[in-house]
């Protein structure tokens, strides 16, 4: 499912226009991104948690030259699914 399909499905499910659904989706992603940039986390009970994971600096290899390179430390977004979400996916 791509963004256009997601917006259409959200609009249909909520009974709103696609334009309004797209605004809501944009607001959601902006709020989550902003909170993660500040170092916080966003927890949606029953769905999951968005948080920042720290990656340590490490040494890698350039695949073309096989020379070692230094990979700097970085932050990466992480999503951990909640129990209710996992249970819904595994329900038979």
PDB file of N, CA and C in Angstrom:
ATOM      1  N   UNK A   1       0.856  -1.170   0.000  1.00  0.00           N
ATOM      2  CA  UNK A   1       0.000   0.000   0.000  1.00  0.00           C
ATOM      3  C   UNK A   1       0.904   1.235   0.000  1.00  0.00           C
ATOM      4  N   UNK A   2       0.659   2.139  -0.931  1.00  0.00           N
ATOM      5  CA  UNK A   2       1.430   3.371  -0.960  1.00  0.00           C
ATOM      6  C   UNK A   2       0.637   4.498  -0.283  1.00  0.00           C
ATOM      7  N   UNK A   3       1.206   5.702  -0.268  1.00  0.00           N
ATOM      8  CA  UNK A   3       0.586   6.817   0.444  1.00  0.00           C
ATOM      9  C   UNK A   3      -0.796   7.148  -0.125  1.00  0.00           C
ATOM     10  N   UNK A   4      -0.927   7.168  -1.430  1.00  0.00           N
ATOM     11  CA  UNK A   4      -2.208   7.490  -2.057  1.00  0.00           C
ATOM     12  C   UNK A   4      -3.286   6.482  -1.653  1.00  0.00           C
ATOM     13  N   UNK A   5      -2.931   5.210  -1.663  1.00  0.00           N
ATOM     14  CA  UNK A   5      -3.873   4.165  -1.270  1.00  0.00           C
ATOM     15  C   UNK A   5      -4.221   4.269   0.209  1.00  0.00           C
ATOM     16  N   UNK A   6      -3.227   4.601   1.044  1.00  0.00           N
ATOM     17  CA  UNK A   6      -3.465   4.767   2.471  1.00  0.00           C
ATOM     18  C   UNK A   6      -4.417   5.928   2.731  1.00  0.00           C
ATOM     19  N   UNK A   7      -4.189   7.052   2.061  1.00  0.00           N
ATOM     20  CA  UNK A   7      -5.058   8.223   2.226  1.00  0.00           C
ATOM     21  C   UNK A   7      -6.477   7.879   1.802  1.00  0.00           C
ATOM     22  N   UNK A   8      -6.635   7.177   0.682  1.00  0.00           N
ATOM     23  CA  UNK A   8      -7.966   6.796   0.199  1.00  0.00           C
ATOM     24  C   UNK A   8      -8.663   5.869   1.199  1.00  0.00           C
ATOM     25  N   UNK A   9      -7.928   4.900   1.751  1.00  0.00           N
ATOM     26  CA  UNK A   9      -8.507   3.966   2.718  1.00  0.00           C
ATOM     27  C   UNK A   9      -8.899   4.692   4.001  1.00  0.00           C
ATOM     28  N   UNK A  10      -8.048   5.619   4.459  1.00  0.00           N
ATOM     29  CA  UNK A  10      -8.351   6.389   5.665  1.00  0.00           C
ATOM     30  C   UNK A  10      -9.590   7.256   5.447  1.00  0.00           C
ATOM     31  N   UNK A  11      -9.680   7.894   4.300  1.00  0.00           N
ATOM     32  CA  UNK A  11     -10.821   8.750   3.994  1.00  0.00           C
ATOM     33  C   UNK A  11     -12.112   7.936   3.968  1.00  0.00           C
ATOM     34  N   UNK A  12     -12.043   6.763   3.353  1.00  0.00           N
ATOM     35  CA  UNK A  12     -13.218   5.895   3.271  1.00  0.00           C
ATOM     36  C   UNK A  12     -13.633   5.404   4.652  1.00  0.00           C
ATOM     37  N   UNK A  13     -12.677   4.968   5.441  1.00  0.00           N
ATOM     38  CA  UNK A  13     -12.960   4.428   6.778  1.00  0.00           C
ATOM     39  C   UNK A  13     -13.528   5.495   7.715  1.00  0.00           C
ATOM     40  N   UNK A  14     -12.979   6.711   7.638  1.00  0.00           N
ATOM     41  CA  UNK A  14     -13.396   7.780   8.545  1.00  0.00           C
ATOM     42  C   UNK A  14     -14.571   8.593   8.003  1.00  0.00           C
ATOM     43  N   UNK A  15     -14.918   8.394   6.748  1.00  0.00           N
ATOM     44  CA  UNK A  15     -16.022   9.143   6.156  1.00  0.00           C
ATOM     45  C   UNK A  15     -15.689  10.614   5.940  1.00  0.00           C
ATOM     46  N   UNK A  16     -14.425  10.896   5.590  1.00  0.00           N
ATOM     47  CA  UNK A  16     -13.996  12.267   5.318  1.00  0.00           C
ATOM     48  C   UNK A  16     -13.427  12.333   3.907  1.00  0.00           C
ATOM     49  N   UNK A  17     -13.147  13.553   3.449  1.00  0.00           N
ATOM     50  CA  UNK A  17     -12.588  13.703   2.109  1.00  0.00           C
ATOM     51  C   UNK A  17     -11.136  13.238   2.088  1.00  0.00           C
ATOM     52  N   UNK A  18     -10.651  12.911   0.903  1.00  0.00           N
ATOM     53  CA  UNK A  18      -9.255  12.500   0.759  1.00  0.00           C
ATOM     54  C   UNK A  18      -8.326  13.637   1.159  1.00  0.00           C
ATOM     55  N   UNK A  19      -8.728  14.861   0.865  1.00  0.00           N
ATOM     56  CA  UNK A  19      -7.915  16.030   1.208  1.00  0.00           C
ATOM     57  C   UNK A  19      -7.749  16.140   2.726  1.00  0.00           C
ATOM     58  N   UNK A  20      -8.847  15.940   3.464  1.00  0.00           N
ATOM     59  CA  UNK A  20      -8.790  15.993   4.927  1.00  0.00           C
ATOM     60  C   UNK A  20      -7.963  14.832   5.488  1.00  0.00           C
ATOM     61  N   UNK A  21      -8.132  13.651   4.912  1.00  0.00           N
ATOM     62  CA  UNK A  21      -7.372  12.487   5.367  1.00  0.00           C
ATOM     63  C   UNK A  21      -5.881  12.700   5.128  1.00  0.00           C
ATOM     64  N   UNK A  22      -5.536  13.309   4.007  1.00  0.00           N
ATOM     65  CA  UNK A  22      -4.127  13.576   3.715  1.00  0.00           C
ATOM     66  C   UNK A  22      -3.550  14.592   4.700  1.00  0.00           C
ATOM     67  N   UNK A  23      -4.341  15.599   5.081  1.00  0.00           N
ATOM     68  CA  UNK A  23      -3.903  16.582   6.076  1.00  0.00           C
ATOM     69  C   UNK A  23      -3.641  15.901   7.422  1.00  0.00           C
ATOM     70  N   UNK A  24      -4.530  15.001   7.800  1.00  0.00           N
ATOM     71  CA  UNK A  24      -4.380  14.283   9.072  1.00  0.00           C
ATOM     72  C   UNK A  24      -3.137  13.401   9.039  1.00  0.00           C
ATOM     73  N   UNK A  25      -2.918  12.698   7.936  1.00  0.00           N
ATOM     74  CA  UNK A  25      -1.740  11.841   7.813  1.00  0.00           C
ATOM     75  C   UNK A  25      -0.461  12.676   7.878  1.00  0.00           C
ATOM     76  N   UNK A  26      -0.443  13.804   7.192  1.00  0.00           N
ATOM     77  CA  UNK A  26       0.730  14.698   7.219  1.00  0.00           C
ATOM     78  C   UNK A  26       0.967  15.222   8.624  1.00  0.00           C
ATOM     79  N   UNK A  27      -0.110  15.618   9.314  1.00  0.00           N
ATOM     80  CA  UNK A  27       0.024  16.110  10.690  1.00  0.00           C
ATOM     81  C   UNK A  27       0.582  15.011  11.592  1.00  0.00           C
ATOM     82  N   UNK A  28       0.101  13.783  11.428  1.00  0.00           N
ATOM     83  CA  UNK A  28       0.586  12.656  12.233  1.00  0.00           C
ATOM     84  C   UNK A  28       2.083  12.442  12.022  1.00  0.00           C
ATOM     85  N   UNK A  29       2.511  12.377  10.761  1.00  0.00           N
ATOM     86  CA  UNK A  29       3.929  12.135  10.493  1.00  0.00           C
ATOM     87  C   UNK A  29       4.793  13.303  10.974  1.00  0.00           C
ATOM     88  N   UNK A  30       4.297  14.532  10.844  1.00  0.00           N
ATOM     89  CA  UNK A  30       5.049  15.698  11.323  1.00  0.00           C
ATOM     90  C   UNK A  30       5.207  15.673  12.840  1.00  0.00           C
ATOM     91  N   UNK A  31       4.133  15.339  13.550  1.00  0.00           N
ATOM     92  CA  UNK A  31       4.181  15.300  15.017  1.00  0.00           C
ATOM     93  C   UNK A  31       5.116  14.194  15.496  1.00  0.00           C
ATOM     94  N   UNK A  32       5.021  13.016  14.901  1.00  0.00           N
ATOM     95  CA  UNK A  32       5.888  11.897  15.294  1.00  0.00           C
ATOM     96  C   UNK A  32       7.348  12.251  14.998  1.00  0.00           C
ATOM     97  N   UNK A  33       7.622  12.791  13.819  1.00  0.00           N
ATOM     98  CA  UNK A  33       8.992  13.175  13.462  1.00  0.00           C
ATOM     99  C   UNK A  33       9.535  14.224  14.413  1.00  0.00           C
ATOM    100  N   UNK A  34       8.723  15.221  14.718  1.00  0.00           N
ATOM    101  CA  UNK A  34       9.152  16.283  15.625  1.00  0.00           C
ATOM    102  C   UNK A  34       9.480  15.764  17.009  1.00  0.00           C
ATOM    103  N   UNK A  35       8.652  14.877  17.514  1.00  0.00           N
ATOM    104  CA  UNK A  35       8.886  14.314  18.847  1.00  0.00           C
ATOM    105  C   UNK A  35      10.156  13.462  18.870  1.00  0.00           C
ATOM    106  N   UNK A  36      10.383  12.673  17.825  1.00  0.00           N
ATOM    107  CA  UNK A  36      11.580  11.841  17.768  1.00  0.00           C
ATOM    108  C   UNK A  36      12.839  12.702  17.635  1.00  0.00           C
ATOM    109  N   UNK A  37      12.752  13.807  16.894  1.00  0.00           N
ATOM    110  CA  UNK A  37      13.897  14.712  16.760  1.00  0.00           C
ATOM    111  C   UNK A  37      14.286  15.292  18.117  1.00  0.00           C
ATOM    112  N   UNK A  38      13.293  15.517  18.982  1.00  0.00           N
ATOM    113  CA  UNK A  38      13.553  16.047  20.320  1.00  0.00           C
ATOM    114  C   UNK A  38      14.081  14.963  21.269  1.00  0.00           C
ATOM    115  N   UNK A  39      14.108  13.718  20.808  1.00  0.00           N
ATOM    116  CA  UNK A  39      14.592  12.617  21.641  1.00  0.00           C
ATOM    117  C   UNK A  39      13.490  11.918  22.406  1.00  0.00           C
ATOM    118  N   UNK A  40      12.246  12.297  22.171  1.00  0.00           N
ATOM    119  CA  UNK A  40      11.120  11.679  22.866  1.00  0.00           C
ATOM    120  C   UNK A  40      10.647  10.418  22.166  1.00  0.00           C
ATOM    121  N   UNK A  41       9.491   9.939  22.606  1.00  0.00           N
ATOM    122  CA  UNK A  41       8.885   8.784  21.953  1.00  0.00           C
ATOM    123  C   UNK A  41       7.385   8.998  21.890  1.00  0.00           C
ATOM    124  N   UNK A  42       6.747   8.310  20.963  1.00  0.00           N
ATOM    125  CA  UNK A  42       5.300   8.397  20.795  1.00  0.00           C
ATOM    126  C   UNK A  42       4.743   7.000  21.017  1.00  0.00           C
ATOM    127  N   UNK A  43       3.897   6.874  22.049  1.00  0.00           N
ATOM    128  CA  UNK A  43       3.344   5.575  22.401  1.00  0.00           C
ATOM    129  C   UNK A  43       1.844   5.578  22.148  1.00  0.00           C
ATOM    130  N   UNK A  44       1.395   4.680  21.290  1.00  0.00           N
ATOM    131  CA  UNK A  44      -0.025   4.518  20.984  1.00  0.00           C
ATOM    132  C   UNK A  44      -0.457   3.173  21.558  1.00  0.00           C
ATOM    133  N   UNK A  45      -1.147   3.213  22.677  1.00  0.00           N
ATOM    134  CA  UNK A  45      -1.544   1.987  23.371  1.00  0.00           C
ATOM    135  C   UNK A  45      -2.376   1.117  22.426  1.00  0.00           C
ATOM    136  N   UNK A  46      -2.015  -0.133  22.339  1.00  0.00           N
ATOM    137  CA  UNK A  46      -2.715  -1.080  21.478  1.00  0.00           C
ATOM    138  C   UNK A  46      -2.148  -1.138  20.070  1.00  0.00           C
ATOM    139  N   UNK A  47      -1.314  -0.162  19.701  1.00  0.00           N
ATOM    140  CA  UNK A  47      -0.728  -0.146  18.355  1.00  0.00           C
ATOM    141  C   UNK A  47       0.776  -0.333  18.414  1.00  0.00           C
ATOM    142  N   UNK A  48       1.483   0.579  19.096  1.00  0.00           N
ATOM    143  CA  UNK A  48       2.924   0.439  19.202  1.00  0.00           C
ATOM    144  C   UNK A  48       3.598   1.721  19.633  1.00  0.00           C
ATOM    145  N   UNK A  49       4.918   1.706  19.622  1.00  0.00           N
ATOM    146  CA  UNK A  49       5.725   2.830  20.089  1.00  0.00           C
ATOM    147  C   UNK A  49       6.757   3.203  19.037  1.00  0.00           C
ATOM    148  N   UNK A  50       6.826   4.489  18.737  1.00  0.00           N
ATOM    149  CA  UNK A  50       7.861   5.037  17.876  1.00  0.00           C
ATOM    150  C   UNK A  50       8.913   5.645  18.792  1.00  0.00           C
ATOM    151  N   UNK A  51      10.190   5.293  18.591  1.00  0.00           N
ATOM    152  CA  UNK A  51      11.248   5.866  19.401  1.00  0.00           C
ATOM    153  C   UNK A  51      12.541   5.931  18.606  1.00  0.00           C
ATOM    154  N   UNK A  52      13.557   6.560  19.199  1.00  0.00           N
ATOM    155  CA  UNK A  52      14.851   6.728  18.548  1.00  0.00           C
ATOM    156  C   UNK A  52      15.817   5.680  19.085  1.00  0.00           C
ATOM    157  N   UNK A  53      16.545   5.055  18.180  1.00  0.00           N
ATOM    158  CA  UNK A  53      17.557   4.074  18.538  1.00  0.00           C
ATOM    159  C   UNK A  53      18.920   4.659  18.171  1.00  0.00           C
ATOM    160  N   UNK A  54      19.881   4.551  19.071  1.00  0.00           N
ATOM    161  CA  UNK A  54      21.227   5.067  18.814  1.00  0.00           C
ATOM    162  C   UNK A  54      22.088   3.968  18.198  1.00  0.00           C
ATOM    163  N   UNK A  55      22.774   4.314  17.125  1.00  0.00           N
ATOM    164  CA  UNK A  55      23.721   3.387  16.500  1.00  0.00           C
ATOM    165  C   UNK A  55      25.127   3.872  16.825  1.00  0.00           C
ATOM    166  N   UNK A  56      25.948   3.011  17.343  1.00  0.00           N
ATOM    167  CA  UNK A  56      27.318   3.365  17.706  1.00  0.00           C
ATOM    168  C   UNK A  56      28.174   3.537  16.455  1.00  0.00           C
ATOM    169  N   UNK A  57      29.235   4.298  16.590  1.00  0.00           N
ATOM    170  CA  UNK A  57      30.198   4.422  15.497  1.00  0.00           C
ATOM    171  C   UNK A  57      30.855   3.056  15.302  1.00  0.00           C
ATOM    172  N   UNK A  58      31.175   2.756  14.068  1.00  0.00           N
ATOM    173  CA  UNK A  58      31.775   1.455  13.800  1.00  0.00           C
ATOM    174  C   UNK A  58      32.631   1.532  12.541  1.00  0.00           C
ATOM    175  N   UNK A  59      33.359   0.475  12.295  1.00  0.00           N
ATOM    176  CA  UNK A  59      34.185   0.419  11.105  1.00  0.00           C
ATOM    177  C   UNK A  59      33.530  -0.494  10.088  1.00  0.00           C
ATOM    178  N   UNK A  60      33.472  -0.024   8.846  1.00  0.00           N
ATOM    179  CA  UNK A  60      32.892  -0.820   7.773  1.00  0.00           C
ATOM    180  C   UNK A  60      33.900  -0.974   6.652  1.00  0.00           C
ATOM    181  N   UNK A  61      33.465  -1.529   5.541  1.00  0.00           N
ATOM    182  CA  UNK A  61      34.342  -1.695   4.375  1.00  0.00           C
ATOM    183  C   UNK A  61      33.649  -1.154   3.139  1.00  0.00           C
ATOM    184  N   UNK A  62      34.422  -0.437   2.341  1.00  0.00           N
ATOM    185  CA  UNK A  62      33.932   0.010   1.053  1.00  0.00           C
ATOM    186  C   UNK A  62      33.884  -1.221   0.154  1.00  0.00           C
ATOM    187  N   UNK A  63      32.710  -1.612  -0.332  1.00  0.00           N
ATOM    188  CA  UNK A  63      32.624  -2.854  -1.114  1.00  0.00           C
ATOM    189  C   UNK A  63      33.394  -2.798  -2.436  1.00  0.00           C
ATOM    190  N   UNK A  64      33.591  -1.602  -2.972  1.00  0.00           N
ATOM    191  CA  UNK A  64      34.303  -1.494  -4.246  1.00  0.00           C
ATOM    192  C   UNK A  64      35.808  -1.627  -4.069  1.00  0.00           C
ATOM    193  N   UNK A  65      36.348  -0.965  -3.028  1.00  0.00           N
ATOM    194  CA  UNK A  65      37.805  -0.962  -2.847  1.00  0.00           C
ATOM    195  C   UNK A  65      38.283  -1.901  -1.747  1.00  0.00           C
ATOM    196  N   UNK A  66      37.379  -2.384  -0.928  1.00  0.00           N
ATOM    197  CA  UNK A  66      37.676  -3.251   0.211  1.00  0.00           C
ATOM    198  C   UNK A  66      38.467  -2.526   1.312  1.00  0.00           C
ATOM    199  N   UNK A  67      38.575  -1.192   1.203  1.00  0.00           N
ATOM    200  CA  UNK A  67      39.290  -0.430   2.223  1.00  0.00           C
ATOM    201  C   UNK A  67      38.365  -0.166   3.404  1.00  0.00           C
ATOM    202  N   UNK A  68      38.925  -0.165   4.618  1.00  0.00           N
ATOM    203  CA  UNK A  68      38.093   0.135   5.795  1.00  0.00           C
ATOM    204  C   UNK A  68      37.671   1.607   5.795  1.00  0.00           C
ATOM    205  N   UNK A  69      36.454   1.852   6.245  1.00  0.00           N
ATOM    206  CA  UNK A  69      35.950   3.216   6.390  1.00  0.00           C
ATOM    207  C   UNK A  69      35.314   3.344   7.770  1.00  0.00           C
ATOM    208  N   UNK A  70      35.285   4.561   8.285  1.00  0.00           N
ATOM    209  CA  UNK A  70      34.650   4.804   9.579  1.00  0.00           C
ATOM    210  C   UNK A  70      33.214   5.227   9.334  1.00  0.00           C
ATOM    211  N   UNK A  71      32.289   4.553   9.992  1.00  0.00           N
ATOM    212  CA  UNK A  71      30.872   4.898   9.908  1.00  0.00           C
ATOM    213  C   UNK A  71      30.536   5.627  11.201  1.00  0.00           C
ATOM    214  N   UNK A  72      30.101   6.895  11.113  1.00  0.00           N
ATOM    215  CA  UNK A  72      29.855   7.671  12.336  1.00  0.00           C
ATOM    216  C   UNK A  72      28.616   7.182  13.091  1.00  0.00           C
ATOM    217  N   UNK A  73      28.558   7.543  14.368  1.00  0.00           N
ATOM    218  CA  UNK A  73      27.378   7.220  15.175  1.00  0.00           C
ATOM    219  C   UNK A  73      26.181   7.960  14.583  1.00  0.00           C
ATOM    220  N   UNK A  74      24.994   7.384  14.729  1.00  0.00           N
ATOM    221  CA  UNK A  74      23.794   8.016  14.185  1.00  0.00           C
ATOM    222  C   UNK A  74      22.561   7.608  14.981  1.00  0.00           C
ATOM    223  N   UNK A  75      21.478   8.327  14.727  1.00  0.00           N
ATOM    224  CA  UNK A  75      20.186   8.006  15.325  1.00  0.00           C
ATOM    225  C   UNK A  75      19.311   7.388  14.234  1.00  0.00           C
ATOM    226  N   UNK A  76      18.488   6.417  14.615  1.00  0.00           N
ATOM    227  CA  UNK A  76      17.593   5.770  13.661  1.00  0.00           C
ATOM    228  C   UNK A  76      16.212   5.637  14.293  1.00  0.00           C
ATOM    229  N   UNK A  77      15.154   5.887  13.517  1.00  0.00           N
ATOM    230  CA  UNK A  77      13.817   5.692  14.063  1.00  0.00           C
ATOM    231  C   UNK A  77      13.529   4.202  14.226  1.00  0.00           C
ATOM    232  N   UNK A  78      12.740   3.878  15.246  1.00  0.00           N
ATOM    233  CA  UNK A  78      12.421   2.474  15.529  1.00  0.00           C
ATOM    234  C   UNK A  78      10.943   2.386  15.889  1.00  0.00           C
ATOM    235  N   UNK A  79      10.284   1.353  15.424  1.00  0.00           N
ATOM    236  CA  UNK A  79       8.885   1.106  15.777  1.00  0.00           C
ATOM    237  C   UNK A  79       8.801  -0.248  16.447  1.00  0.00           C
ATOM    238  N   UNK A  80       8.169  -0.284  17.609  1.00  0.00           N
ATOM    239  CA  UNK A  80       7.949  -1.547  18.313  1.00  0.00           C
ATOM    240  C   UNK A  80       6.445  -1.760  18.390  1.00  0.00           C
ATOM    241  N   UNK A  81       5.964  -2.826  17.783  1.00  0.00           N
ATOM    242  CA  UNK A  81       4.536  -3.121  17.759  1.00  0.00           C
ATOM    243  C   UNK A  81       4.033  -3.484  19.154  1.00  0.00           C
ATOM    244  N   UNK A  82       2.828  -3.028  19.470  1.00  0.00           N
ATOM    245  CA  UNK A  82       2.203  -3.336  20.748  1.00  0.00           C
ATOM    246  C   UNK A  82       1.583  -4.723  20.749  1.00  0.00           C
ATOM    247  N   UNK A  83       1.275  -5.214  21.926  1.00  0.00           N
ATOM    248  CA  UNK A  83       0.731  -6.572  22.069  1.00  0.00           C
ATOM    249  C   UNK A  83      -0.588  -6.744  21.323  1.00  0.00           C
ATOM    250  N   UNK A  84      -1.495  -5.787  21.451  1.00  0.00           N
ATOM    251  CA  UNK A  84      -2.797  -5.904  20.774  1.00  0.00           C
ATOM    252  C   UNK A  84      -2.619  -5.959  19.251  1.00  0.00           C
ATOM    253  N   UNK A  85      -1.690  -5.166  18.731  1.00  0.00           N
ATOM    254  CA  UNK A  85      -1.421  -5.146  17.293  1.00  0.00           C
ATOM    255  C   UNK A  85      -0.861  -6.487  16.846  1.00  0.00           C
ATOM    256  N   UNK A  86       0.097  -7.021  17.592  1.00  0.00           N
ATOM    257  CA  UNK A  86       0.680  -8.324  17.273  1.00  0.00           C
ATOM    258  C   UNK A  86      -0.376  -9.429  17.325  1.00  0.00           C
ATOM    259  N   UNK A  87      -1.220  -9.369  18.361  1.00  0.00           N
ATOM    260  CA  UNK A  87      -2.270 -10.383  18.509  1.00  0.00           C
ATOM    261  C   UNK A  87      -3.260 -10.321  17.354  1.00  0.00           C
ATOM    262  N   UNK A  88      -3.591  -9.110  16.889  1.00  0.00           N
ATOM    263  CA  UNK A  88      -4.518  -8.959  15.778  1.00  0.00           C
ATOM    264  C   UNK A  88      -3.934  -9.556  14.494  1.00  0.00           C
ATOM    265  N   UNK A  89      -2.629  -9.415  14.300  1.00  0.00           N
ATOM    266  CA  UNK A  89      -1.975  -9.955  13.113  1.00  0.00           C
ATOM    267  C   UNK A  89      -1.893 -11.478  13.151  1.00  0.00           C
ATOM    268  N   UNK A  90      -1.768 -12.022  14.350  1.00  0.00           N
ATOM    269  CA  UNK A  90      -1.603 -13.473  14.489  1.00  0.00           C
ATOM    270  C   UNK A  90      -2.885 -14.217  14.762  1.00  0.00           C
ATOM    271  N   UNK A  91      -4.012 -13.511  14.801  1.00  0.00           N
ATOM    272  CA  UNK A  91      -5.293 -14.150  15.063  1.00  0.00           C
ATOM    273  C   UNK A  91      -5.679 -15.057  13.892  1.00  0.00           C
ATOM    274  N   UNK A  92      -6.130 -16.248  14.223  1.00  0.00           N
ATOM    275  CA  UNK A  92      -6.486 -17.207  13.162  1.00  0.00           C
ATOM    276  C   UNK A  92      -7.985 -17.382  13.063  1.00  0.00           C
TER     277      UNK A  92
END
